Amino acid sequence: MDEEHPSIVKSSYAMAKRLTEIISEMFHKLSNTQIVALRFANIYEPDEYEKIPIMHWNDKERDVQKKNAWAYCDVRDAAKACLLAIEKKNLGNDIFHITAPDTIMLDLSHDLVKRFFPNVALKRNVQGHETLMAIDKARKILGYEPRYTWRTVLNNDGTAKALPEDQLALSKTTDI
């Protein structure tokens, strides 16, 4: 699913986000001001990854999360994307998907599409657990390259891997 995919608004939250993009486009046309909209997906801090098996890996949640193609984003990658968008010049008015490089699921991406979207033809092959919310545009134009994934924090059984202190959550910082 890329940025050109039609937005289907099914909640007041989604409507507010879409209306903001429309207003931004109109403001850009009136003022010729650069405006960038970043579409983030389920932002997680590293210590929140432990919630993923409970919140997403059961059949009910797998079905619920199909609405955003099982996408998520690490807070550190989200912050980097914001910085890249601010520093980039001559963008005009543009929208970018910002997600992790993979899905939040254990299932292979191709299997998720086949099970939940059997009538949808993929524009290109997806490999392994690759994100289904295309970030190609952000990579090409902004230079966005997501570095963080829950797979470096959790084992496939949902237990936490031992991590060095510097990779633990930003929320545990007391120097704010």
C-alpha atoms as a PDB file:
ATOM      1  CA  MET A   1       0.000   0.000   0.000  1.00  0.00           C
ATOM      2  CA  ASP A   2       1.689   3.206  -1.122  1.00  0.00           C
ATOM      3  CA  GLU A   3       0.802   6.867  -0.674  1.00  0.00           C
ATOM      4  CA  GLU A   4      -1.291   6.827  -3.863  1.00  0.00           C
ATOM      5  CA  HIS A   5      -3.617   4.171  -2.453  1.00  0.00           C
ATOM      6  CA  PRO A   6      -7.085   5.654  -1.838  1.00  0.00           C
ATOM      7  CA  SER A   7      -7.672   6.644   1.774  1.00  0.00           C
ATOM      8  CA  ILE A   8     -10.784   5.046   3.167  1.00  0.00           C
ATOM      9  CA  VAL A   9     -11.834   6.929   6.272  1.00  0.00           C
ATOM     10  CA  LYS A  10     -13.572   4.708   8.831  1.00  0.00           C
ATOM     11  CA  SER A  11     -13.135   6.647  12.070  1.00  0.00           C
ATOM     12  CA  SER A  12     -13.093  10.203  13.377  1.00  0.00           C
ATOM     13  CA  TYR A  13      -9.360   9.786  14.037  1.00  0.00           C
ATOM     14  CA  ALA A  14      -8.686   8.833  10.399  1.00  0.00           C
ATOM     15  CA  MET A  15     -10.980  11.615   9.204  1.00  0.00           C
ATOM     16  CA  ALA A  16      -9.047  14.218  11.213  1.00  0.00           C
ATOM     17  CA  LYS A  17      -5.765  12.987   9.759  1.00  0.00           C
ATOM     18  CA  ARG A  18      -7.089  13.006   6.194  1.00  0.00           C
ATOM     19  CA  LEU A  19      -8.686  16.443   6.596  1.00  0.00           C
ATOM     20  CA  THR A  20      -5.352  17.782   7.855  1.00  0.00           C
ATOM     21  CA  GLU A  21      -3.678  16.501   4.687  1.00  0.00           C
ATOM     22  CA  ILE A  22      -6.358  18.155   2.529  1.00  0.00           C
ATOM     23  CA  ILE A  23      -6.062  21.466   4.407  1.00  0.00           C
ATOM     24  CA  SER A  24      -2.266  21.263   4.116  1.00  0.00           C
ATOM     25  CA  GLU A  25      -2.559  20.820   0.358  1.00  0.00           C
ATOM     26  CA  MET A  26      -4.858  23.849   0.100  1.00  0.00           C
ATOM     27  CA  PHE A  27      -2.558  25.967   2.296  1.00  0.00           C
ATOM     28  CA  HIS A  28       0.442  24.953   0.181  1.00  0.00           C
ATOM     29  CA  LYS A  29      -1.340  26.087  -2.986  1.00  0.00           C
ATOM     30  CA  LEU A  30      -2.183  29.434  -1.393  1.00  0.00           C
ATOM     31  CA  SER A  31       1.187  30.127   0.189  1.00  0.00           C
ATOM     32  CA  ASN A  32       3.695  28.009  -1.759  1.00  0.00           C
ATOM     33  CA  THR A  33       5.011  26.867   1.634  1.00  0.00           C
ATOM     34  CA  GLN A  34       6.654  23.457   1.931  1.00  0.00           C
ATOM     35  CA  ILE A  35       4.373  21.111   3.859  1.00  0.00           C
ATOM     36  CA  VAL A  36       5.193  17.475   4.548  1.00  0.00           C
ATOM     37  CA  ALA A  37       2.750  14.981   6.050  1.00  0.00           C
ATOM     38  CA  LEU A  38       4.258  11.889   7.640  1.00  0.00           C
ATOM     39  CA  ARG A  39       1.913   8.936   8.028  1.00  0.00           C
ATOM     40  CA  PHE A  40       3.238   7.049  11.044  1.00  0.00           C
ATOM     41  CA  ALA A  41       2.030   3.609  12.040  1.00  0.00           C
ATOM     42  CA  ASN A  42       1.688   2.443  15.677  1.00  0.00           C
ATOM     43  CA  ILE A  43       4.739   4.089  17.236  1.00  0.00           C
ATOM     44  CA  TYR A  44       6.561   1.976  19.834  1.00  0.00           C
ATOM     45  CA  GLU A  45       9.402   2.650  22.246  1.00  0.00           C
ATOM     46  CA  PRO A  46      11.846  -0.258  22.741  1.00  0.00           C
ATOM     47  CA  ASP A  47      10.441  -1.300  26.134  1.00  0.00           C
ATOM     48  CA  GLU A  48       6.921  -1.383  24.673  1.00  0.00           C
ATOM     49  CA  TYR A  49       7.854  -4.152  22.255  1.00  0.00           C
ATOM     50  CA  GLU A  50       7.161  -6.677  25.010  1.00  0.00           C
ATOM     51  CA  LYS A  51       3.444  -5.837  24.629  1.00  0.00           C
ATOM     52  CA  ILE A  52       3.380  -6.935  20.982  1.00  0.00           C
ATOM     53  CA  PRO A  53       2.710 -10.676  21.512  1.00  0.00           C
ATOM     54  CA  ILE A  54      -0.209  -9.913  23.832  1.00  0.00           C
ATOM     55  CA  MET A  55      -1.635  -7.056  21.780  1.00  0.00           C
ATOM     56  CA  HIS A  56      -1.159  -8.328  18.228  1.00  0.00           C
ATOM     57  CA  TRP A  57      -0.380 -12.010  17.847  1.00  0.00           C
ATOM     58  CA  ASN A  58      -3.807 -13.484  18.544  1.00  0.00           C
ATOM     59  CA  ASP A  59      -6.260 -14.117  15.697  1.00  0.00           C
ATOM     60  CA  LYS A  60      -8.686 -11.370  16.723  1.00  0.00           C
ATOM     61  CA  GLU A  61      -6.007  -8.652  16.800  1.00  0.00           C
ATOM     62  CA  ARG A  62      -4.366  -9.964  13.628  1.00  0.00           C
ATOM     63  CA  ASP A  63      -7.689  -9.320  11.926  1.00  0.00           C
ATOM     64  CA  VAL A  64      -8.128  -5.870  13.552  1.00  0.00           C
ATOM     65  CA  GLN A  65      -4.606  -4.748  12.646  1.00  0.00           C
ATOM     66  CA  LYS A  66      -5.083  -5.541   8.963  1.00  0.00           C
ATOM     67  CA  LYS A  67      -6.550  -2.026   8.616  1.00  0.00           C
ATOM     68  CA  ASN A  68      -3.031  -0.617   8.752  1.00  0.00           C
ATOM     69  CA  ALA A  69      -1.324  -3.578   7.085  1.00  0.00           C
ATOM     70  CA  TRP A  70       0.260  -4.676  10.390  1.00  0.00           C
ATOM     71  CA  ALA A  71       2.618  -1.688  10.224  1.00  0.00           C
ATOM     72  CA  TYR A  72       4.395  -0.081  13.158  1.00  0.00           C
ATOM     73  CA  CYS A  73       7.293   2.312  13.708  1.00  0.00           C
ATOM     74  CA  ASP A  74      10.031   2.637  16.310  1.00  0.00           C
ATOM     75  CA  VAL A  75      10.016   6.058  18.000  1.00  0.00           C
ATOM     76  CA  ARG A  76      13.703   6.564  17.079  1.00  0.00           C
ATOM     77  CA  ASP A  77      12.971   6.000  13.379  1.00  0.00           C
ATOM     78  CA  ALA A  78       9.937   8.308  13.629  1.00  0.00           C
ATOM     79  CA  ALA A  79      12.127  11.061  15.096  1.00  0.00           C
ATOM     80  CA  LYS A  80      14.718  10.565  12.347  1.00  0.00           C
ATOM     81  CA  ALA A  81      11.996  10.825   9.678  1.00  0.00           C
ATOM     82  CA  CYS A  82      10.826  14.130  11.183  1.00  0.00           C
ATOM     83  CA  LEU A  83      14.363  15.492  11.062  1.00  0.00           C
ATOM     84  CA  LEU A  84      14.823  14.342   7.445  1.00  0.00           C
ATOM     85  CA  ALA A  85      11.538  15.996   6.426  1.00  0.00           C
ATOM     86  CA  ILE A  86      12.487  19.272   8.119  1.00  0.00           C
ATOM     87  CA  GLU A  87      15.937  19.325   6.530  1.00  0.00           C
ATOM     88  CA  LYS A  88      14.773  18.415   3.008  1.00  0.00           C
ATOM     89  CA  LYS A  89      14.224  21.395   0.712  1.00  0.00           C
ATOM     90  CA  ASN A  90      11.959  21.932  -2.314  1.00  0.00           C
ATOM     91  CA  LEU A  91       9.395  19.272  -1.489  1.00  0.00           C
ATOM     92  CA  GLY A  92       6.283  21.369  -1.974  1.00  0.00           C
ATOM     93  CA  ASN A  93       3.361  19.470  -0.452  1.00  0.00           C
ATOM     94  CA  ASP A  94       4.014  15.773   0.005  1.00  0.00           C
ATOM     95  CA  ILE A  95       2.921  12.721   1.990  1.00  0.00           C
ATOM     96  CA  PHE A  96       5.200   9.899   3.146  1.00  0.00           C
ATOM     97  CA  HIS A  97       4.567   6.604   4.924  1.00  0.00           C
ATOM     98  CA  ILE A  98       6.928   6.112   7.850  1.00  0.00           C
ATOM     99  CA  THR A  99       7.101   2.584   9.249  1.00  0.00           C
ATOM    100  CA  ALA A 100       9.520  -0.057  10.416  1.00  0.00           C
ATOM    101  CA  PRO A 101      11.075  -2.206   7.691  1.00  0.00           C
ATOM    102  CA  ASP A 102       8.923  -5.176   8.746  1.00  0.00           C
ATOM    103  CA  THR A 103       5.422  -5.944   9.984  1.00  0.00           C
ATOM    104  CA  ILE A 104       4.485  -6.395  13.622  1.00  0.00           C
ATOM    105  CA  MET A 105       3.531 -10.032  12.948  1.00  0.00           C
ATOM    106  CA  LEU A 106       5.330 -13.382  13.060  1.00  0.00           C
ATOM    107  CA  ASP A 107       3.555 -14.414   9.840  1.00  0.00           C
ATOM    108  CA  LEU A 108       5.313 -13.812   6.541  1.00  0.00           C
ATOM    109  CA  SER A 109       3.955 -10.738   4.753  1.00  0.00           C
ATOM    110  CA  HIS A 110       2.958 -12.720   1.668  1.00  0.00           C
ATOM    111  CA  ASP A 111       0.958 -15.126   3.868  1.00  0.00           C
ATOM    112  CA  LEU A 112      -0.847 -12.231   5.578  1.00  0.00           C
ATOM    113  CA  VAL A 113      -1.874 -10.797   2.204  1.00  0.00           C
ATOM    114  CA  LYS A 114      -3.015 -14.192   0.946  1.00  0.00           C
ATOM    115  CA  ARG A 115      -5.084 -14.863   4.094  1.00  0.00           C
ATOM    116  CA  PHE A 116      -6.634 -11.426   4.716  1.00  0.00           C
ATOM    117  CA  PHE A 117      -6.635  -9.865   1.236  1.00  0.00           C
ATOM    118  CA  PRO A 118      -6.995 -12.847  -1.141  1.00  0.00           C
ATOM    119  CA  ASN A 119      -8.332 -10.702  -3.994  1.00  0.00           C
ATOM    120  CA  VAL A 120      -5.609  -8.057  -3.840  1.00  0.00           C
ATOM    121  CA  ALA A 121      -2.834  -8.285  -6.388  1.00  0.00           C
ATOM    122  CA  LEU A 122       0.559  -7.131  -5.168  1.00  0.00           C
ATOM    123  CA  LYS A 123       2.340  -4.499  -7.304  1.00  0.00           C
ATOM    124  CA  ARG A 124       5.634  -6.207  -6.457  1.00  0.00           C
ATOM    125  CA  ASN A 125       6.834  -9.198  -4.506  1.00  0.00           C
ATOM    126  CA  VAL A 126       7.327  -8.766  -0.782  1.00  0.00           C
ATOM    127  CA  GLN A 127      10.131 -10.582   0.949  1.00  0.00           C
ATOM    128  CA  GLY A 128       9.950 -12.244   4.353  1.00  0.00           C
ATOM    129  CA  HIS A 129       8.325  -9.956   6.924  1.00  0.00           C
ATOM    130  CA  GLU A 130       8.728  -6.804   4.815  1.00  0.00           C
ATOM    131  CA  THR A 131       6.361  -3.956   5.636  1.00  0.00           C
ATOM    132  CA  LEU A 132       3.215  -3.855   3.524  1.00  0.00           C
ATOM    133  CA  MET A 133       2.860  -0.094   3.948  1.00  0.00           C
ATOM    134  CA  ALA A 134       5.318   1.014   1.268  1.00  0.00           C
ATOM    135  CA  ILE A 135       8.152   3.228   2.472  1.00  0.00           C
ATOM    136  CA  ASP A 136       9.912   3.352  -0.905  1.00  0.00           C
ATOM    137  CA  LYS A 137       8.981   6.999  -1.470  1.00  0.00           C
ATOM    138  CA  ALA A 138      10.364   8.080   1.929  1.00  0.00           C
ATOM    139  CA  ARG A 139      13.536   6.124   1.234  1.00  0.00           C
ATOM    140  CA  LYS A 140      14.022   7.661  -2.195  1.00  0.00           C
ATOM    141  CA  ILE A 141      13.074  11.280  -1.498  1.00  0.00           C
ATOM    142  CA  LEU A 142      13.842  11.801   2.203  1.00  0.00           C
ATOM    143  CA  GLY A 143      16.656   9.287   2.574  1.00  0.00           C
ATOM    144  CA  TYR A 144      14.629   7.508   5.279  1.00  0.00           C
ATOM    145  CA  GLU A 145      16.065   4.150   6.267  1.00  0.00           C
ATOM    146  CA  PRO A 146      14.415   2.521   9.293  1.00  0.00           C
ATOM    147  CA  ARG A 147      16.973   0.989  11.647  1.00  0.00           C
ATOM    148  CA  TYR A 148      14.883  -0.446  14.453  1.00  0.00           C
ATOM    149  CA  THR A 149      12.606  -3.473  14.635  1.00  0.00           C
ATOM    150  CA  TRP A 150      10.929  -5.453  17.394  1.00  0.00           C
ATOM    151  CA  ARG A 151      12.809  -8.493  16.050  1.00  0.00           C
ATOM    152  CA  THR A 152      16.026  -7.238  17.672  1.00  0.00           C
ATOM    153  CA  VAL A 153      14.242  -6.974  21.045  1.00  0.00           C
ATOM    154  CA  LEU A 154      11.995 -10.072  21.136  1.00  0.00           C
ATOM    155  CA  ASN A 155      12.425 -13.731  20.355  1.00  0.00           C
ATOM    156  CA  ASN A 156       9.805 -15.395  18.133  1.00  0.00           C
ATOM    157  CA  ASP A 157       8.138 -16.830  21.248  1.00  0.00           C
ATOM    158  CA  GLY A 158       7.566 -13.282  22.567  1.00  0.00           C
ATOM    159  CA  THR A 159      10.219 -13.395  25.289  1.00  0.00           C
ATOM    160  CA  ALA A 160      12.647 -10.513  25.559  1.00  0.00           C
ATOM    161  CA  LYS A 161      16.213 -10.827  24.319  1.00  0.00           C
ATOM    162  CA  ALA A 162      18.993  -9.609  26.582  1.00  0.00           C
ATOM    163  CA  LEU A 163      19.876  -6.090  25.430  1.00  0.00           C
ATOM    164  CA  PRO A 164      22.667  -3.705  26.339  1.00  0.00           C
ATOM    165  CA  GLU A 165      21.542  -0.802  28.556  1.00  0.00           C
ATOM    166  CA  ASP A 166      21.937   1.722  25.708  1.00  0.00           C
ATOM    167  CA  GLN A 167      19.221  -0.049  23.704  1.00  0.00           C
ATOM    168  CA  LEU A 168      16.590   0.113  26.425  1.00  0.00           C
ATOM    169  CA  ALA A 169      13.655   2.507  26.370  1.00  0.00           C
ATOM    170  CA  LEU A 170      13.938   6.222  26.016  1.00  0.00           C
ATOM    171  CA  SER A 171      11.132   6.485  28.575  1.00  0.00           C
ATOM    172  CA  LYS A 172      13.440   5.222  31.327  1.00  0.00           C
ATOM    173  CA  THR A 173      15.591   8.341  30.984  1.00  0.00           C
ATOM    174  CA  THR A 174      15.400  10.659  33.983  1.00  0.00           C
ATOM    175  CA  ASP A 175      17.404  13.508  32.427  1.00  0.00           C
ATOM    176  CA  ILE A 176      14.508  15.283  30.713  1.00  0.00           C
END
